[in-house]
C-alpha atoms as a PDB file:
ATOM      1  CA  MET A   1     -21.720  15.718  -6.899  1.00  0.00           C
ATOM      2  CA  GLN A   2     -18.495  16.347  -5.017  1.00  0.00           C
ATOM      3  CA  ASN A   3     -19.917  14.687  -1.897  1.00  0.00           C
ATOM      4  CA  LEU A   4     -20.752  11.582  -3.922  1.00  0.00           C
ATOM      5  CA  ILE A   5     -17.205  11.405  -5.285  1.00  0.00           C
ATOM      6  CA  ASN A   6     -15.755  11.868  -1.790  1.00  0.00           C
ATOM      7  CA  ALA A   7     -18.025   9.160  -0.378  1.00  0.00           C
ATOM      8  CA  LEU A   8     -17.006   6.713  -3.112  1.00  0.00           C
ATOM      9  CA  GLN A   9     -13.341   7.505  -2.534  1.00  0.00           C
ATOM     10  CA  TRP A  10     -13.480   6.951   1.234  1.00  0.00           C
ATOM     11  CA  GLY A  11     -15.639   3.878   0.801  1.00  0.00           C
ATOM     12  CA  SER A  12     -13.083   2.363  -1.558  1.00  0.00           C
ATOM     13  CA  PHE A  13     -10.309   3.061   0.979  1.00  0.00           C
ATOM     14  CA  TYR A  14     -12.254   1.312   3.722  1.00  0.00           C
ATOM     15  CA  ALA A  15     -13.114  -1.610   1.436  1.00  0.00           C
ATOM     16  CA  LEU A  16      -9.480  -2.040   0.392  1.00  0.00           C
ATOM     17  CA  ILE A  17      -8.283  -2.146   3.991  1.00  0.00           C
ATOM     18  CA  ALA A  18     -11.116  -4.496   5.019  1.00  0.00           C
ATOM     19  CA  ILE A  19     -10.321  -6.903   2.166  1.00  0.00           C
ATOM     20  CA  GLY A  20      -6.678  -6.924   3.230  1.00  0.00           C
ATOM     21  CA  TYR A  21      -7.618  -7.689   6.836  1.00  0.00           C
ATOM     22  CA  SER A  22      -9.996 -10.480   5.849  1.00  0.00           C
ATOM     23  CA  MET A  23      -7.458 -12.076   3.495  1.00  0.00           C
ATOM     24  CA  VAL A  24      -4.705 -12.067   6.123  1.00  0.00           C
ATOM     25  CA  TYR A  25      -7.046 -13.373   8.799  1.00  0.00           C
ATOM     26  CA  SER A  26      -8.417 -16.155   6.600  1.00  0.00           C
ATOM     27  CA  ILE A  27      -4.915 -17.321   5.591  1.00  0.00           C
ATOM     28  CA  LEU A  28      -2.896 -16.845   8.788  1.00  0.00           C
ATOM     29  CA  MET A  29      -5.747 -17.037  11.315  1.00  0.00           C
ATOM     30  CA  LEU A  30      -4.374 -14.028  13.167  1.00  0.00           C
ATOM     31  CA  PHE A  31      -4.978 -10.326  12.919  1.00  0.00           C
ATOM     32  CA  ASN A  32      -2.238  -8.291  11.302  1.00  0.00           C
ATOM     33  CA  PHE A  33      -2.748  -4.555  11.626  1.00  0.00           C
ATOM     34  CA  ALA A  34       0.182  -3.524   9.412  1.00  0.00           C
ATOM     35  CA  HIS A  35      -2.089  -2.814   6.420  1.00  0.00           C
ATOM     36  CA  GLY A  36      -2.898   0.652   7.720  1.00  0.00           C
ATOM     37  CA  ASP A  37       0.798   1.477   8.043  1.00  0.00           C
ATOM     38  CA  ILE A  38       1.552   0.384   4.481  1.00  0.00           C
ATOM     39  CA  PHE A  39      -1.540   2.220   3.226  1.00  0.00           C
ATOM     40  CA  MET A  40      -0.490   5.444   4.983  1.00  0.00           C
ATOM     41  CA  THR A  41       3.104   5.141   3.771  1.00  0.00           C
ATOM     42  CA  GLY A  42       1.786   4.653   0.234  1.00  0.00           C
ATOM     43  CA  SER A  43      -0.115   7.913   0.598  1.00  0.00           C
ATOM     44  CA  TYR A  44       3.059   9.726   1.590  1.00  0.00           C
ATOM     45  CA  ILE A  45       4.949   8.112  -1.281  1.00  0.00           C
ATOM     46  CA  GLY A  46       2.242   9.294  -3.683  1.00  0.00           C
ATOM     47  CA  PHE A  47       2.370  12.790  -2.242  1.00  0.00           C
ATOM     48  CA  GLY A  48       6.146  12.894  -2.611  1.00  0.00           C
ATOM     49  CA  VAL A  49       6.092  11.601  -6.170  1.00  0.00           C
ATOM     50  CA  ALA A  50       3.357  14.054  -7.197  1.00  0.00           C
ATOM     51  CA  THR A  51       5.174  16.964  -5.549  1.00  0.00           C
ATOM     52  CA  GLY A  52       8.418  16.035  -7.285  1.00  0.00           C
ATOM     53  CA  LEU A  53       6.794  15.717 -10.695  1.00  0.00           C
ATOM     54  CA  ILE A  54       4.920  18.990 -10.278  1.00  0.00           C
ATOM     55  CA  ALA A  55       8.134  20.735  -9.207  1.00  0.00           C
ATOM     56  CA  LEU A  56       9.984  19.357 -12.246  1.00  0.00           C
ATOM     57  CA  SER A  57       7.182  20.488 -14.525  1.00  0.00           C
ATOM     58  CA  ALA A  58       6.967  23.948 -12.934  1.00  0.00           C
ATOM     59  CA  ALA A  59      10.737  24.449 -13.139  1.00  0.00           C
ATOM     60  CA  GLY A  60      10.652  23.697 -16.840  1.00  0.00           C
ATOM     61  CA  VAL A  61      12.895  20.649 -16.615  1.00  0.00           C
ATOM     62  CA  VAL A  62      10.245  18.495 -18.301  1.00  0.00           C
ATOM     63  CA  ALA A  63       6.928  19.518 -19.797  1.00  0.00           C
ATOM     64  CA  LEU A  64       4.319  17.141 -18.425  1.00  0.00           C
ATOM     65  CA  PRO A  65       0.560  17.562 -18.781  1.00  0.00           C
ATOM     66  CA  ASN A  66      -1.511  17.173 -15.643  1.00  0.00           C
ATOM     67  CA  TRP A  67      -3.039  13.840 -16.689  1.00  0.00           C
ATOM     68  CA  LEU A  68       0.441  12.370 -17.215  1.00  0.00           C
ATOM     69  CA  ILE A  69       1.552  13.570 -13.775  1.00  0.00           C
ATOM     70  CA  LEU A  70      -1.472  11.790 -12.292  1.00  0.00           C
ATOM     71  CA  VAL A  71      -0.788   8.551 -14.176  1.00  0.00           C
ATOM     72  CA  LEU A  72       2.927   8.575 -13.314  1.00  0.00           C
ATOM     73  CA  THR A  73       2.136   9.315  -9.680  1.00  0.00           C
ATOM     74  CA  ILE A  74      -0.233   6.350  -9.479  1.00  0.00           C
ATOM     75  CA  LEU A  75       2.200   3.992 -11.215  1.00  0.00           C
ATOM     76  CA  PHE A  76       5.259   5.026  -9.196  1.00  0.00           C
ATOM     77  CA  SER A  77       3.276   4.921  -5.951  1.00  0.00           C
ATOM     78  CA  MET A  78       2.004   1.429  -6.714  1.00  0.00           C
ATOM     79  CA  VAL A  79       5.482   0.126  -7.534  1.00  0.00           C
ATOM     80  CA  LEU A  80       7.198   1.729  -4.536  1.00  0.00           C
ATOM     81  CA  THR A  81       4.438   0.754  -2.092  1.00  0.00           C
ATOM     82  CA  SER A  82       4.404  -2.849  -3.326  1.00  0.00           C
ATOM     83  CA  PHE A  83       8.184  -2.950  -2.901  1.00  0.00           C
ATOM     84  CA  LEU A  84       7.753  -1.647   0.639  1.00  0.00           C
ATOM     85  CA  GLY A  85       5.092  -4.268   1.390  1.00  0.00           C
ATOM     86  CA  CYS A  86       7.137  -7.128  -0.043  1.00  0.00           C
ATOM     87  CA  SER A  87      10.288  -6.049   1.744  1.00  0.00           C
ATOM     88  CA  SER A  88       8.497  -5.642   5.076  1.00  0.00           C
ATOM     89  CA  ASN A  89       7.061  -9.121   4.581  1.00  0.00           C
ATOM     90  CA  GLY A  90      10.541 -10.484   3.887  1.00  0.00           C
ATOM     91  CA  TRP A  91      12.094  -8.738   6.870  1.00  0.00           C
ATOM     92  CA  GLY A  92       9.333  -9.033   9.411  1.00  0.00           C
ATOM     93  CA  THR A  93       6.658 -11.610   8.721  1.00  0.00           C
ATOM     94  CA  ALA A  94       8.354 -14.406   6.779  1.00  0.00           C
ATOM     95  CA  PRO A  95      11.110 -15.178   9.337  1.00  0.00           C
ATOM     96  CA  CYS A  96       8.446 -15.722  11.993  1.00  0.00           C
ATOM     97  CA  GLY A  97       6.830 -18.479   9.951  1.00  0.00           C
ATOM     98  CA  THR A  98       9.938 -20.558   9.283  1.00  0.00           C
ATOM     99  CA  ARG A  99      10.357 -23.594  11.440  1.00  0.00           C
ATOM    100  CA  ARG A 100      12.966 -26.269  11.748  1.00  0.00           C
ATOM    101  CA  GLY A 101      11.694 -29.761  12.079  1.00  0.00           C
ATOM    102  CA  PRO A 102       8.198 -31.146  11.736  1.00  0.00           C
ATOM    103  CA  ARG A 103       5.152 -29.229  12.862  1.00  0.00           C
ATOM    104  CA  ARG A 104       3.615 -30.616  15.986  1.00  0.00           C
ATOM    105  CA  PRO A 105       0.042 -29.950  17.016  1.00  0.00           C
ATOM    106  CA  SER A 106      -0.392 -27.871  20.116  1.00  0.00           C
ATOM    107  CA  PRO A 107      -1.471 -29.739  23.228  1.00  0.00           C
ATOM    108  CA  GLY A 108      -5.060 -29.424  24.231  1.00  0.00           C
END
């Protein structure tokens, strides 16, 4: 049973990354391999949030049940990772797409 759960988990990771690649390629017509970096950084953010919440719960600062720690970890990780993705798009990708003047077709 554990192997089935692990296989579904890894399969969903691969599917999520593949969908991101196909969406970027179909819209921009170029490969952007930054999805793996954002995905990995989101994992570290989730690990940090979970560790912090577990430490607060173990120290007795707040009494949180395990299911609430899991839900808060997922929510905080989603928010912080989406902020990271949007800000990296604003700093890195969006300025490359701005042009001054009309678009001209490439020769050939």
